[in-house]
Amino acid sequence: MKLIIVLVLLSIVGALACAGVLMLRRRPRQEDQASPPDKRMARALALRVGLSVALFLFILFSYWMGWIQPTGIPLSR
């Protein structure tokens, strides 16, 4: 269970890094033609949002099925 959550979190960070690289990379300007906007960055961000929502729903489903249990914060006095 922990492995699945860690893998999805890593893929979320990877999609965010991919979008950052695509945003910062310079593209050659073509003044003659109106070039369409780069949609790869938007797709990477949409993938990140989709993975985040899927991870949230998976954690809720796992709690509902009893696969994971909340442990809380231990209070030491």
Protein backbone atom coordinates (compact mmCIF):
# COMPACT_ATOMS: atom_id res chain seq x y z
CA MET A 1 0.00 0.00 0.00
CA LYS A 2 2.77 2.40 0.93
CA LEU A 3 4.63 1.54 -2.26
CA ILE A 4 1.64 2.49 -4.42
CA ILE A 5 1.24 5.83 -2.65
CA VAL A 6 4.96 6.61 -2.94
CA LEU A 7 5.00 5.72 -6.66
CA VAL A 8 2.01 7.95 -7.38
CA LEU A 9 3.56 10.81 -5.39
CA LEU A 10 6.79 10.44 -7.36
CA SER A 11 4.86 10.48 -10.64
CA ILE A 12 3.05 13.65 -9.51
CA VAL A 13 6.39 15.33 -8.81
CA GLY A 14 7.72 14.05 -12.15
CA ALA A 15 4.77 15.55 -14.05
CA LEU A 16 5.30 18.84 -12.24
CA ALA A 17 9.01 18.81 -13.12
CA CYS A 18 8.21 18.01 -16.75
CA ALA A 19 5.81 20.96 -16.92
CA GLY A 20 8.45 23.21 -15.36
CA VAL A 21 11.06 22.17 -17.90
CA LEU A 22 8.64 22.72 -20.76
CA MET A 23 7.75 26.15 -19.39
CA LEU A 24 11.36 27.28 -19.03
CA ARG A 25 12.67 25.87 -22.31
CA ARG A 26 13.06 28.50 -25.00
CA ARG A 27 11.43 27.91 -28.33
CA PRO A 28 12.65 29.58 -31.50
CA ARG A 29 10.40 32.45 -32.52
CA GLN A 30 8.79 32.39 -35.90
CA GLU A 31 7.62 35.87 -36.65
CA ASP A 32 6.19 34.91 -40.03
CA GLN A 33 3.78 32.32 -38.73
CA ALA A 34 1.51 32.35 -35.73
CA SER A 35 2.64 29.21 -33.92
CA PRO A 36 0.06 27.37 -31.83
CA PRO A 37 0.66 27.39 -28.08
CA ASP A 38 2.61 24.50 -26.65
CA LYS A 39 0.04 22.10 -25.27
CA ARG A 40 2.52 19.69 -23.73
CA MET A 41 2.92 21.82 -20.61
CA ALA A 42 -0.85 22.01 -20.15
CA ARG A 43 -1.11 18.24 -20.58
CA ALA A 44 1.62 17.65 -18.00
CA LEU A 45 -0.18 19.90 -15.51
CA ALA A 46 -3.50 18.21 -16.26
CA LEU A 47 -1.84 14.84 -15.67
CA ARG A 48 -0.53 16.09 -12.33
CA VAL A 49 -3.99 17.23 -11.26
CA GLY A 50 -5.54 13.94 -12.40
CA LEU A 51 -2.97 11.90 -10.50
CA SER A 52 -3.51 14.00 -7.38
CA VAL A 53 -7.27 13.47 -7.50
CA ALA A 54 -6.81 9.76 -8.18
CA LEU A 55 -4.42 9.43 -5.23
CA PHE A 56 -6.86 11.23 -2.93
CA LEU A 57 -9.72 8.96 -4.02
CA PHE A 58 -7.51 5.88 -3.65
CA ILE A 59 -6.61 6.86 -0.08
CA LEU A 60 -10.28 7.41 0.75
CA PHE A 61 -11.20 4.06 -0.79
CA SER A 62 -8.38 2.32 1.07
CA TYR A 63 -9.62 3.75 4.37
CA TRP A 64 -13.18 2.70 3.57
CA MET A 65 -12.04 -0.86 2.76
CA GLY A 66 -9.96 -1.02 5.94
CA TRP A 67 -6.63 -1.40 4.18
CA ILE A 68 -5.19 1.60 6.01
CA GLN A 69 -5.91 2.91 9.50
CA PRO A 70 -5.30 6.39 10.90
CA THR A 71 -2.71 6.36 13.65
CA GLY A 72 -2.99 9.95 14.83
CA ILE A 73 -0.27 11.96 16.48
CA PRO A 74 1.06 10.39 19.67
CA LEU A 75 0.88 12.75 22.62
CA SER A 76 3.72 12.44 25.09
CA ARG A 77 3.30 13.98 28.55
